[in-house]
Amino acid sequence: MYLFDDLFSALNYTTDSLFRASSKTITADATVIIVAQRVSTIRHTDNILVVNDGQLVGSGKYEELLEKCGTYEALR
């Protein structure tokens, strides 16, 4: 299991993309939890949990959340 707690927000977009691409091999058979502020960081994940004021307000894939979760759509 890997936990990345808002690590990506400190990276520029190019470094963020390079890090995520290179870590795919290392994390291929693991559970990966990413706490993120940038939607682009989690766009292609298996499941996204949307938390607002400590409450879970949505879960699903990127496209699903755009359709059914106003909080997520507003972050885009």
Protein backbone atom coordinates (compact mmCIF):
# COMPACT_ATOMS: atom_id res chain seq x y z
CA MET A 1 0.00 0.00 0.00
CA TYR A 2 1.23 3.47 -0.86
CA LEU A 3 -0.16 6.70 0.58
CA PHE A 4 0.65 9.98 -1.14
CA ASP A 5 -0.67 12.73 1.10
CA ASP A 6 -0.95 15.80 -1.12
CA LEU A 7 2.57 15.21 -2.41
CA PHE A 8 1.66 16.26 -5.93
CA SER A 9 0.45 19.78 -5.09
CA ALA A 10 4.05 20.87 -4.48
CA LEU A 11 5.13 19.66 -7.93
CA ASN A 12 4.79 21.54 -11.19
CA TYR A 13 2.59 19.83 -13.79
CA THR A 14 5.51 18.37 -15.76
CA THR A 15 7.18 16.82 -12.70
CA ASP A 16 3.80 15.59 -11.43
CA SER A 17 3.16 13.81 -14.74
CA LEU A 18 6.66 12.30 -14.89
CA PHE A 19 6.45 11.05 -11.29
CA ARG A 20 3.04 9.44 -11.81
CA ALA A 21 4.20 7.76 -15.02
CA SER A 22 7.37 6.37 -13.47
CA SER A 23 5.61 5.17 -10.31
CA LYS A 24 3.06 3.06 -12.24
CA THR A 25 5.50 0.17 -12.49
CA ILE A 26 6.38 0.28 -8.80
CA THR A 27 2.78 0.52 -7.64
CA ALA A 28 1.20 -1.77 -10.26
CA ASP A 29 0.26 -4.53 -7.79
CA ALA A 30 -0.44 -2.30 -4.80
CA THR A 31 -3.25 -0.24 -3.37
CA VAL A 32 -2.46 3.44 -3.86
CA ILE A 33 -4.23 6.21 -1.94
CA ILE A 34 -3.68 9.76 -3.16
CA VAL A 35 -4.83 12.81 -1.23
CA ALA A 36 -4.95 15.52 -3.88
CA GLN A 37 -5.98 19.10 -4.46
CA ARG A 38 -5.54 18.93 -8.24
CA VAL A 39 -8.22 17.09 -10.19
CA SER A 40 -5.67 16.27 -12.91
CA THR A 41 -3.66 14.22 -10.41
CA ILE A 42 -6.50 11.78 -9.79
CA ARG A 43 -8.38 11.95 -13.08
CA HIS A 44 -7.45 8.44 -14.24
CA THR A 45 -7.79 6.58 -10.95
CA ASP A 46 -10.11 3.63 -10.33
CA ASN A 47 -12.18 5.43 -7.70
CA ILE A 48 -12.32 9.01 -6.44
CA LEU A 49 -13.75 9.96 -3.06
CA VAL A 50 -14.90 13.58 -2.74
CA VAL A 51 -14.80 14.98 0.79
CA ASN A 52 -16.19 18.40 1.68
CA ASP A 53 -16.08 19.74 5.25
CA GLY A 54 -15.24 16.26 6.54
CA GLN A 55 -18.23 14.63 4.81
CA LEU A 56 -18.11 12.18 1.92
CA VAL A 57 -20.17 13.87 -0.80
CA GLY A 58 -19.36 11.72 -3.82
CA SER A 59 -17.49 8.70 -5.13
CA GLY A 60 -16.86 7.20 -8.54
CA LYS A 61 -14.80 7.76 -11.65
CA TYR A 62 -13.99 11.17 -13.08
CA GLU A 63 -16.78 11.24 -15.67
CA GLU A 64 -19.40 9.95 -13.21
CA LEU A 65 -18.52 12.60 -10.67
CA LEU A 66 -18.76 15.38 -13.23
CA GLU A 67 -22.35 14.31 -13.88
CA LYS A 68 -23.56 13.60 -10.35
CA CYS A 69 -21.39 15.54 -7.87
CA GLY A 70 -21.62 19.32 -7.95
CA THR A 71 -18.76 19.69 -5.47
CA TYR A 72 -16.43 17.73 -7.75
CA GLU A 73 -17.60 19.53 -10.87
CA ALA A 74 -16.86 22.87 -9.19
CA LEU A 75 -13.24 21.80 -8.56
CA ARG A 76 -12.59 21.24 -12.22
